[in-house]
Amino acid sequence: MESPIIEYKGVDILRHEHVVLKDVNFSIAPGEMVYLVGRVGSGKSSLLKTLYGEVPVTSGEARIFDFNLRNLRRKDVPFLRRRIGIVFQDFQLLMDRSAYANLEFVLEATGWKDRESREQRIDEVLKEVGMVTKAHKMPHELSGGEQQRIVIARALLNKPELILADEPTGNLDPTTSEQIMAHLYGIARETDTAVIMATHNLSMLDAFPGRTLRCDGKHLG
């Protein structure tokens, strides 16, 4: 059995000195599809934020890849985040540049010096999400589903070991939501990239099964 890429033992997650989740225990293996489910405000987003170093871990044991989150140094955060792809509900695309330029910006920021290598990688991820013909479009010229596909492409750029998706279909219609879910599910099924998705849309879990972790506002189980 492969070693887990994430392991939490006895972790309390705090926001502004208030306990959001208490005594969190879980592990994630490579290629797993895992759903974080629970109502709004139950701690799903806070848990995801601990995984990429935005919310500190101050109790218990928490490891992701070869990083100890209890003593994560600020200078190590960029190296951690290069191994994670993040898919946001509100897209967070740069509105003043094209879809292609959004992707190139990420590669430049994460150390891709060679222009030809950047072009090749951008072409690969655009093909993967079916958006090659929309690369020149500005974000406002794309539908919500198309913007989310660009966000997934952005998350895939550095060939991550883990994708974190925070309510990725929350602003999309049912048909587009199913397409986005199918794409993320396919990534987990066909690669060693694990996917952790926060959602309160339980209707999708029958079509795209995975392990479920429930946040109830204080505990994860």
C-alpha atoms as a PDB file:
ATOM      1  CA  MET A   1       0.000   0.000   0.000  1.00  0.00           C
ATOM      2  CA  GLU A   2       1.287   3.433  -0.932  1.00  0.00           C
ATOM      3  CA  SER A   3       2.196   5.877   1.803  1.00  0.00           C
ATOM      4  CA  PRO A   4      -0.394   8.620   2.352  1.00  0.00           C
ATOM      5  CA  ILE A   5       0.347  12.039   0.915  1.00  0.00           C
ATOM      6  CA  ILE A   6      -1.653  13.668   3.744  1.00  0.00           C
ATOM      7  CA  GLU A   7      -1.927  12.587   7.361  1.00  0.00           C
ATOM      8  CA  TYR A   8      -3.676  14.473  10.176  1.00  0.00           C
ATOM      9  CA  LYS A   9      -3.778  13.185  13.762  1.00  0.00           C
ATOM     10  CA  GLY A  10      -5.529  15.027  16.588  1.00  0.00           C
ATOM     11  CA  VAL A  11      -5.556  18.391  14.797  1.00  0.00           C
ATOM     12  CA  ASP A  12      -7.695  21.301  16.011  1.00  0.00           C
ATOM     13  CA  ILE A  13      -8.406  23.903  13.319  1.00  0.00           C
ATOM     14  CA  LEU A  14      -8.855  27.451  14.563  1.00  0.00           C
ATOM     15  CA  ARG A  15     -10.013  30.641  12.868  1.00  0.00           C
ATOM     16  CA  HIS A  16      -9.607  33.883  14.831  1.00  0.00           C
ATOM     17  CA  GLU A  17      -9.007  31.856  18.027  1.00  0.00           C
ATOM     18  CA  HIS A  18     -12.301  29.957  17.628  1.00  0.00           C
ATOM     19  CA  VAL A  19     -12.226  26.172  17.127  1.00  0.00           C
ATOM     20  CA  VAL A  20     -13.755  25.368  13.743  1.00  0.00           C
ATOM     21  CA  LEU A  21     -12.960  21.634  13.721  1.00  0.00           C
ATOM     22  CA  LYS A  22     -11.736  19.604  16.686  1.00  0.00           C
ATOM     23  CA  ASP A  23      -9.594  16.447  16.810  1.00  0.00           C
ATOM     24  CA  VAL A  24      -9.319  16.004  13.037  1.00  0.00           C
ATOM     25  CA  ASN A  25      -7.939  12.607  11.984  1.00  0.00           C
ATOM     26  CA  PHE A  26      -7.656  11.453   8.383  1.00  0.00           C
ATOM     27  CA  SER A  27      -5.208  10.386   5.704  1.00  0.00           C
ATOM     28  CA  ILE A  28      -5.298  10.623   1.912  1.00  0.00           C
ATOM     29  CA  ALA A  29      -3.588   8.251  -0.517  1.00  0.00           C
ATOM     30  CA  PRO A  30      -2.313   9.120  -4.011  1.00  0.00           C
ATOM     31  CA  GLY A  31      -5.113   9.123  -6.590  1.00  0.00           C
ATOM     32  CA  GLU A  32      -7.963   9.183  -4.055  1.00  0.00           C
ATOM     33  CA  MET A  33     -11.216  11.027  -4.704  1.00  0.00           C
ATOM     34  CA  VAL A  34     -12.384  12.501  -1.387  1.00  0.00           C
ATOM     35  CA  TYR A  35     -15.396  14.685  -0.676  1.00  0.00           C
ATOM     36  CA  LEU A  36     -15.629  17.099   2.239  1.00  0.00           C
ATOM     37  CA  VAL A  37     -19.340  17.511   2.854  1.00  0.00           C
ATOM     38  CA  GLY A  38     -21.239  19.687   5.279  1.00  0.00           C
ATOM     39  CA  ARG A  39     -23.328  22.810   5.509  1.00  0.00           C
ATOM     40  CA  VAL A  40     -21.958  26.297   4.882  1.00  0.00           C
ATOM     41  CA  GLY A  41     -19.771  27.324   7.810  1.00  0.00           C
ATOM     42  CA  SER A  42     -19.016  23.758   8.921  1.00  0.00           C
ATOM     43  CA  GLY A  43     -15.251  24.082   8.441  1.00  0.00           C
ATOM     44  CA  LYS A  44     -14.690  22.667   4.956  1.00  0.00           C
ATOM     45  CA  SER A  45     -12.864  25.689   3.541  1.00  0.00           C
ATOM     46  CA  SER A  46     -10.831  26.164   6.714  1.00  0.00           C
ATOM     47  CA  LEU A  47      -9.596  22.582   6.492  1.00  0.00           C
ATOM     48  CA  LEU A  48      -8.606  23.035   2.848  1.00  0.00           C
ATOM     49  CA  LYS A  49      -6.731  26.220   3.739  1.00  0.00           C
ATOM     50  CA  THR A  50      -4.589  24.387   6.281  1.00  0.00           C
ATOM     51  CA  LEU A  51      -3.428  22.080   3.488  1.00  0.00           C
ATOM     52  CA  TYR A  52      -1.846  24.892   1.484  1.00  0.00           C
ATOM     53  CA  GLY A  53      -0.560  26.918   4.390  1.00  0.00           C
ATOM     54  CA  GLU A  54      -3.076  29.753   4.523  1.00  0.00           C
ATOM     55  CA  VAL A  55      -4.449  28.708   7.924  1.00  0.00           C
ATOM     56  CA  PRO A  56      -1.767  27.532  10.391  1.00  0.00           C
ATOM     57  CA  VAL A  57      -1.906  24.219  12.222  1.00  0.00           C
ATOM     58  CA  THR A  58      -1.072  24.694  15.903  1.00  0.00           C
ATOM     59  CA  SER A  59      -2.005  21.345  17.478  1.00  0.00           C
ATOM     60  CA  GLY A  60      -1.720  17.644  16.792  1.00  0.00           C
ATOM     61  CA  GLU A  61       0.262  16.190  13.902  1.00  0.00           C
ATOM     62  CA  ALA A  62      -0.239  17.339  10.307  1.00  0.00           C
ATOM     63  CA  ARG A  63       1.846  16.301   7.338  1.00  0.00           C
ATOM     64  CA  ILE A  64       1.401  16.848   3.610  1.00  0.00           C
ATOM     65  CA  PHE A  65       3.967  15.370   1.223  1.00  0.00           C
ATOM     66  CA  ASP A  66       7.242  15.915   3.094  1.00  0.00           C
ATOM     67  CA  PHE A  67       6.084  19.100   4.842  1.00  0.00           C
ATOM     68  CA  ASN A  68       5.264  19.230   8.554  1.00  0.00           C
ATOM     69  CA  LEU A  69       2.453  21.777   8.799  1.00  0.00           C
ATOM     70  CA  ARG A  70       3.068  22.340  12.499  1.00  0.00           C
ATOM     71  CA  ASN A  71       6.381  24.046  11.733  1.00  0.00           C
ATOM     72  CA  LEU A  72       5.842  25.184   8.147  1.00  0.00           C
ATOM     73  CA  ARG A  73       8.152  28.101   7.418  1.00  0.00           C
ATOM     74  CA  ARG A  74       6.937  31.028   5.334  1.00  0.00           C
ATOM     75  CA  LYS A  75       9.723  30.463   2.804  1.00  0.00           C
ATOM     76  CA  ASP A  76       8.527  26.863   2.292  1.00  0.00           C
ATOM     77  CA  VAL A  77       4.935  27.809   1.438  1.00  0.00           C
ATOM     78  CA  PRO A  78       5.610  28.504  -2.297  1.00  0.00           C
ATOM     79  CA  PHE A  79       7.301  25.101  -2.640  1.00  0.00           C
ATOM     80  CA  LEU A  80       4.321  23.409  -0.989  1.00  0.00           C
ATOM     81  CA  ARG A  81       1.838  25.204  -3.227  1.00  0.00           C
ATOM     82  CA  ARG A  82       3.682  24.216  -6.397  1.00  0.00           C
ATOM     83  CA  ARG A  83       2.674  20.633  -5.647  1.00  0.00           C
ATOM     84  CA  ILE A  84      -1.004  21.532  -5.202  1.00  0.00           C
ATOM     85  CA  GLY A  85      -3.581  22.695  -7.735  1.00  0.00           C
ATOM     86  CA  ILE A  86      -6.428  24.799  -6.358  1.00  0.00           C
ATOM     87  CA  VAL A  87      -9.859  25.178  -7.987  1.00  0.00           C
ATOM     88  CA  PHE A  88     -11.923  28.020  -6.535  1.00  0.00           C
ATOM     89  CA  GLN A  89     -15.679  28.507  -6.779  1.00  0.00           C
ATOM     90  CA  ASP A  90     -15.228  32.163  -7.737  1.00  0.00           C
ATOM     91  CA  PHE A  91     -12.553  31.361 -10.358  1.00  0.00           C
ATOM     92  CA  GLN A  92     -10.064  34.104  -9.289  1.00  0.00           C
ATOM     93  CA  LEU A  93      -8.899  34.673 -12.856  1.00  0.00           C
ATOM     94  CA  LEU A  94      -7.043  37.854 -13.759  1.00  0.00           C
ATOM     95  CA  MET A  95      -9.673  39.806 -15.665  1.00  0.00           C
ATOM     96  CA  ASP A  96      -7.238  42.064 -17.531  1.00  0.00           C
ATOM     97  CA  ARG A  97      -5.625  39.288 -19.577  1.00  0.00           C
ATOM     98  CA  SER A  98      -6.621  36.378 -21.794  1.00  0.00           C
ATOM     99  CA  ALA A  99      -7.127  32.795 -20.669  1.00  0.00           C
ATOM    100  CA  TYR A 100      -3.730  31.933 -22.165  1.00  0.00           C
ATOM    101  CA  ALA A 101      -2.046  34.846 -20.392  1.00  0.00           C
ATOM    102  CA  ASN A 102      -3.624  33.759 -17.088  1.00  0.00           C
ATOM    103  CA  LEU A 103      -1.938  30.387 -17.467  1.00  0.00           C
ATOM    104  CA  GLU A 104       1.388  31.852 -18.577  1.00  0.00           C
ATOM    105  CA  PHE A 105       1.391  34.162 -15.556  1.00  0.00           C
ATOM    106  CA  VAL A 106       1.246  31.127 -13.236  1.00  0.00           C
ATOM    107  CA  LEU A 107       4.084  29.348 -15.018  1.00  0.00           C
ATOM    108  CA  GLU A 108       6.285  32.428 -14.935  1.00  0.00           C
ATOM    109  CA  ALA A 109       5.525  32.904 -11.240  1.00  0.00           C
ATOM    110  CA  THR A 110       6.463  29.301 -10.468  1.00  0.00           C
ATOM    111  CA  GLY A 111       9.822  29.353 -12.205  1.00  0.00           C
ATOM    112  CA  TRP A 112       9.252  28.261 -15.802  1.00  0.00           C
ATOM    113  CA  LYS A 113      11.974  30.252 -17.551  1.00  0.00           C
ATOM    114  CA  ASP A 114      11.843  28.766 -21.056  1.00  0.00           C
ATOM    115  CA  ARG A 115       9.129  30.255 -23.268  1.00  0.00           C
ATOM    116  CA  GLU A 116       8.851  27.191 -25.502  1.00  0.00           C
ATOM    117  CA  SER A 117       8.341  24.930 -22.482  1.00  0.00           C
ATOM    118  CA  ARG A 118       5.638  27.267 -21.176  1.00  0.00           C
ATOM    119  CA  GLU A 119       3.828  27.269 -24.521  1.00  0.00           C
ATOM    120  CA  GLN A 120       3.955  23.483 -24.712  1.00  0.00           C
ATOM    121  CA  ARG A 121       2.598  23.019 -21.192  1.00  0.00           C
ATOM    122  CA  ILE A 122      -0.197  25.557 -21.693  1.00  0.00           C
ATOM    123  CA  ASP A 123      -1.216  23.808 -24.901  1.00  0.00           C
ATOM    124  CA  GLU A 124      -1.273  20.456 -23.063  1.00  0.00           C
ATOM    125  CA  VAL A 125      -3.570  21.602 -20.257  1.00  0.00           C
ATOM    126  CA  LEU A 126      -5.879  23.522 -22.606  1.00  0.00           C
ATOM    127  CA  LYS A 127      -6.303  20.356 -24.667  1.00  0.00           C
ATOM    128  CA  GLU A 128      -6.979  18.384 -21.497  1.00  0.00           C
ATOM    129  CA  VAL A 129      -9.906  20.634 -20.542  1.00  0.00           C
ATOM    130  CA  GLY A 130     -11.149  21.160 -24.112  1.00  0.00           C
ATOM    131  CA  MET A 131     -10.383  24.882 -24.254  1.00  0.00           C
ATOM    132  CA  VAL A 132      -7.715  25.229 -26.959  1.00  0.00           C
ATOM    133  CA  THR A 133      -9.990  27.304 -29.186  1.00  0.00           C
ATOM    134  CA  LYS A 134     -10.813  29.710 -26.326  1.00  0.00           C
ATOM    135  CA  ALA A 135      -7.231  30.485 -25.266  1.00  0.00           C
ATOM    136  CA  HIS A 136      -7.331  34.010 -26.722  1.00  0.00           C
ATOM    137  CA  LYS A 137     -10.598  34.928 -24.990  1.00  0.00           C
ATOM    138  CA  MET A 138     -10.788  37.312 -22.051  1.00  0.00           C
ATOM    139  CA  PRO A 139     -12.457  35.877 -18.915  1.00  0.00           C
ATOM    140  CA  HIS A 140     -15.571  38.052 -19.375  1.00  0.00           C
ATOM    141  CA  GLU A 141     -16.014  36.542 -22.856  1.00  0.00           C
ATOM    142  CA  LEU A 142     -16.257  33.018 -21.392  1.00  0.00           C
ATOM    143  CA  SER A 143     -19.235  31.320 -19.768  1.00  0.00           C
ATOM    144  CA  GLY A 144     -19.037  30.255 -16.130  1.00  0.00           C
ATOM    145  CA  GLY A 145     -18.319  26.678 -17.152  1.00  0.00           C
ATOM    146  CA  GLU A 146     -15.592  27.780 -19.551  1.00  0.00           C
ATOM    147  CA  GLN A 147     -13.992  29.928 -16.871  1.00  0.00           C
ATOM    148  CA  GLN A 148     -14.008  26.972 -14.500  1.00  0.00           C
ATOM    149  CA  ARG A 149     -12.332  24.822 -17.150  1.00  0.00           C
ATOM    150  CA  ILE A 150      -9.567  27.439 -17.396  1.00  0.00           C
ATOM    151  CA  VAL A 151      -9.279  27.343 -13.602  1.00  0.00           C
ATOM    152  CA  ILE A 152      -8.855  23.549 -13.758  1.00  0.00           C
ATOM    153  CA  ALA A 153      -6.241  23.990 -16.487  1.00  0.00           C
ATOM    154  CA  ARG A 154      -4.446  26.463 -14.223  1.00  0.00           C
ATOM    155  CA  ALA A 155      -4.546  23.948 -11.373  1.00  0.00           C
ATOM    156  CA  LEU A 156      -2.974  21.271 -13.596  1.00  0.00           C
ATOM    157  CA  LEU A 157      -0.083  23.377 -14.918  1.00  0.00           C
ATOM    158  CA  ASN A 158       2.574  22.163 -12.493  1.00  0.00           C
ATOM    159  CA  LYS A 159       1.411  18.520 -12.615  1.00  0.00           C
ATOM    160  CA  PRO A 160       0.207  18.575  -8.997  1.00  0.00           C
ATOM    161  CA  GLU A 161       0.095  15.613  -6.650  1.00  0.00           C
ATOM    162  CA  LEU A 162      -3.070  17.020  -5.099  1.00  0.00           C
ATOM    163  CA  ILE A 163      -6.007  19.100  -6.338  1.00  0.00           C
ATOM    164  CA  LEU A 164      -8.131  21.006  -3.832  1.00  0.00           C
ATOM    165  CA  ALA A 165     -11.532  22.077  -5.136  1.00  0.00           C
ATOM    166  CA  ASP A 166     -13.621  24.369  -2.942  1.00  0.00           C
ATOM    167  CA  GLU A 167     -17.282  24.192  -4.080  1.00  0.00           C
ATOM    168  CA  PRO A 168     -16.144  24.214  -7.745  1.00  0.00           C
ATOM    169  CA  THR A 169     -19.664  23.825  -9.141  1.00  0.00           C
ATOM    170  CA  GLY A 170     -21.443  26.197  -6.764  1.00  0.00           C
ATOM    171  CA  ASN A 171     -22.009  28.908  -9.379  1.00  0.00           C
ATOM    172  CA  LEU A 172     -22.723  26.623 -12.342  1.00  0.00           C
ATOM    173  CA  ASP A 173     -25.861  25.137 -13.886  1.00  0.00           C
ATOM    174  CA  PRO A 174     -26.532  21.399 -13.388  1.00  0.00           C
ATOM    175  CA  THR A 175     -25.285  20.282 -16.820  1.00  0.00           C
ATOM    176  CA  THR A 176     -22.059  22.258 -16.572  1.00  0.00           C
ATOM    177  CA  SER A 177     -21.609  21.133 -12.960  1.00  0.00           C
ATOM    178  CA  GLU A 178     -21.765  17.515 -14.078  1.00  0.00           C
ATOM    179  CA  GLN A 179     -19.153  18.148 -16.774  1.00  0.00           C
ATOM    180  CA  ILE A 180     -16.788  19.790 -14.273  1.00  0.00           C
ATOM    181  CA  MET A 181     -17.331  16.971 -11.781  1.00  0.00           C
ATOM    182  CA  ALA A 182     -16.630  14.382 -14.468  1.00  0.00           C
ATOM    183  CA  HIS A 183     -13.359  16.074 -15.329  1.00  0.00           C
ATOM    184  CA  LEU A 184     -12.116  16.244 -11.742  1.00  0.00           C
ATOM    185  CA  TYR A 185     -13.260  12.673 -11.123  1.00  0.00           C
ATOM    186  CA  GLY A 186     -11.379  11.545 -14.213  1.00  0.00           C
ATOM    187  CA  ILE A 187      -8.179  13.141 -12.948  1.00  0.00           C
ATOM    188  CA  ALA A 188      -8.362  11.110  -9.739  1.00  0.00           C
ATOM    189  CA  ARG A 189      -9.321   7.884 -11.524  1.00  0.00           C
ATOM    190  CA  GLU A 190      -6.737   8.076 -14.288  1.00  0.00           C
ATOM    191  CA  THR A 191      -3.691   9.545 -12.510  1.00  0.00           C
ATOM    192  CA  ASP A 192      -1.950   9.471  -9.134  1.00  0.00           C
ATOM    193  CA  THR A 193      -3.262  12.967  -8.413  1.00  0.00           C
ATOM    194  CA  ALA A 194      -5.556  12.968  -5.395  1.00  0.00           C
ATOM    195  CA  VAL A 195      -8.614  15.234  -5.451  1.00  0.00           C
ATOM    196  CA  ILE A 196     -10.244  16.684  -2.336  1.00  0.00           C
ATOM    197  CA  MET A 197     -13.495  18.475  -3.083  1.00  0.00           C
ATOM    198  CA  ALA A 198     -15.524  20.519  -0.630  1.00  0.00           C
ATOM    199  CA  THR A 199     -19.198  20.411  -1.551  1.00  0.00           C
ATOM    200  CA  HIS A 200     -22.705  20.485  -0.173  1.00  0.00           C
ATOM    201  CA  ASN A 201     -24.136  19.081  -3.421  1.00  0.00           C
ATOM    202  CA  LEU A 202     -24.617  15.447  -2.418  1.00  0.00           C
ATOM    203  CA  SER A 203     -26.535  14.561  -5.576  1.00  0.00           C
ATOM    204  CA  MET A 204     -23.271  14.226  -7.527  1.00  0.00           C
ATOM    205  CA  LEU A 205     -21.773  11.604  -5.225  1.00  0.00           C
ATOM    206  CA  ASP A 206     -23.792   8.736  -6.693  1.00  0.00           C
ATOM    207  CA  ALA A 207     -22.534   9.459 -10.202  1.00  0.00           C
ATOM    208  CA  PHE A 208     -18.953  10.149  -9.089  1.00  0.00           C
ATOM    209  CA  PRO A 209     -18.308   7.993  -6.009  1.00  0.00           C
ATOM    210  CA  GLY A 210     -15.480   8.606  -3.586  1.00  0.00           C
ATOM    211  CA  ARG A 211     -14.660   8.630   0.092  1.00  0.00           C
ATOM    212  CA  THR A 212     -16.730  11.061   2.140  1.00  0.00           C
ATOM    213  CA  LEU A 213     -15.524  13.073   5.134  1.00  0.00           C
ATOM    214  CA  ARG A 214     -18.314  14.941   6.919  1.00  0.00           C
ATOM    215  CA  CYS A 215     -17.801  18.286   8.643  1.00  0.00           C
ATOM    216  CA  ASP A 216     -20.473  18.967  11.248  1.00  0.00           C
ATOM    217  CA  GLY A 217     -19.190  22.295  12.502  1.00  0.00           C
ATOM    218  CA  LYS A 218     -16.926  20.792  15.169  1.00  0.00           C
ATOM    219  CA  HIS A 219     -15.809  17.362  14.043  1.00  0.00           C
ATOM    220  CA  LEU A 220     -14.713  15.531  10.914  1.00  0.00           C
ATOM    221  CA  GLY A 221     -15.911  11.991  10.433  1.00  0.00           C
END
